Amino acid sequence: MDALTSASLGARRNEDIALDLLKFVAATAGVGRPAVASTGFSGSAIPKPEEHVCQLLDLYSRCLKAVEGKGPETEATQ
């Protein structure tokens, strides 16, 4: 029973760390924020809310892989 409890706590801990990393990266890089309309030239159209969600979900999966040690360089060598 203790092994099961500690195993679930370990998995949850990785998810919590990945979520905190997601929050940090998203706030720092401005991922998931709606674009602010400005006067003059605009390089891209305003993204849809679905695109924001997809960006955040992709970023979360990348953060979780990084926390678990399954980054892009490890996937390429496997």
Protein backbone atom coordinates (compact mmCIF):
# COMPACT_ATOMS: atom_id res chain seq x y z
CA MET A 1 0.00 0.00 0.00
CA ASP A 2 2.84 2.41 0.82
CA ALA A 3 4.53 1.70 -2.51
CA LEU A 4 1.31 2.53 -4.36
CA THR A 5 0.87 5.76 -2.42
CA SER A 6 4.43 6.90 -2.94
CA ALA A 7 4.30 5.99 -6.64
CA SER A 8 1.21 8.12 -7.18
CA LEU A 9 2.77 10.99 -5.23
CA GLY A 10 5.87 10.80 -7.43
CA ALA A 11 3.83 10.98 -10.64
CA ARG A 12 1.73 13.82 -9.28
CA ARG A 13 4.85 15.68 -8.25
CA ASN A 14 6.17 15.61 -11.82
CA GLU A 15 2.86 16.95 -13.06
CA ASP A 16 2.92 19.76 -10.49
CA ILE A 17 6.46 20.71 -11.44
CA ALA A 18 5.56 20.65 -15.14
CA LEU A 19 2.55 22.88 -14.46
CA ASP A 20 4.70 25.36 -12.55
CA LEU A 21 7.23 25.32 -15.40
CA LEU A 22 4.40 25.91 -17.88
CA LYS A 23 3.18 28.92 -15.90
CA PHE A 24 6.68 30.38 -15.76
CA VAL A 25 7.44 29.87 -19.45
CA ALA A 26 4.00 31.06 -20.57
CA ALA A 27 4.24 34.22 -18.46
CA THR A 28 7.80 34.94 -19.56
CA ALA A 29 7.28 34.28 -23.27
CA GLY A 30 3.70 35.53 -23.48
CA VAL A 31 2.38 32.18 -24.73
CA GLY A 32 -1.38 31.88 -24.59
CA ARG A 33 -2.01 35.60 -24.22
CA PRO A 34 -4.31 37.18 -26.74
CA ALA A 35 -2.59 39.54 -29.13
CA VAL A 36 -3.16 43.21 -28.44
CA ALA A 37 -4.47 45.14 -31.37
CA SER A 38 -2.21 47.98 -32.40
CA THR A 39 -2.17 50.63 -35.05
CA GLY A 40 0.03 50.14 -38.06
CA PHE A 41 1.40 46.98 -39.57
CA SER A 42 0.49 43.70 -37.93
CA GLY A 43 2.59 40.70 -38.94
CA SER A 44 -0.02 38.07 -38.17
CA ALA A 45 -3.72 37.67 -37.63
CA ILE A 46 -5.10 37.44 -34.11
CA PRO A 47 -4.99 33.77 -33.05
CA LYS A 48 -8.21 32.00 -32.17
CA PRO A 49 -8.84 30.77 -28.60
CA GLU A 50 -8.48 27.18 -29.82
CA GLU A 51 -4.96 27.99 -31.01
CA HIS A 52 -4.10 29.36 -27.57
CA VAL A 53 -5.32 26.15 -25.96
CA CYS A 54 -3.30 24.03 -28.39
CA GLN A 55 -0.19 26.10 -27.69
CA LEU A 56 -0.61 25.70 -23.94
CA LEU A 57 -1.27 21.95 -24.16
CA ASP A 58 1.77 21.47 -26.39
CA LEU A 59 3.88 23.53 -23.99
CA TYR A 60 2.62 21.50 -21.02
CA SER A 61 3.52 18.20 -22.69
CA ARG A 62 6.98 19.56 -23.48
CA CYS A 63 7.39 20.72 -19.85
CA LEU A 64 6.30 17.32 -18.54
CA LYS A 65 8.79 15.55 -20.82
CA ALA A 66 11.54 17.89 -19.63
CA VAL A 67 10.70 17.22 -15.98
CA GLU A 68 10.67 13.46 -16.58
CA GLY A 69 14.02 13.68 -18.39
CA LYS A 70 12.56 12.75 -21.75
CA GLY A 71 13.69 15.85 -23.63
CA PRO A 72 14.16 16.12 -27.39
CA GLU A 73 17.80 15.01 -27.24
CA THR A 74 16.90 11.81 -25.39
CA GLU A 75 14.12 10.96 -27.83
CA ALA A 76 16.46 11.35 -30.80
CA THR A 77 18.99 8.86 -29.33
CA GLN A 78 16.43 6.17 -28.52
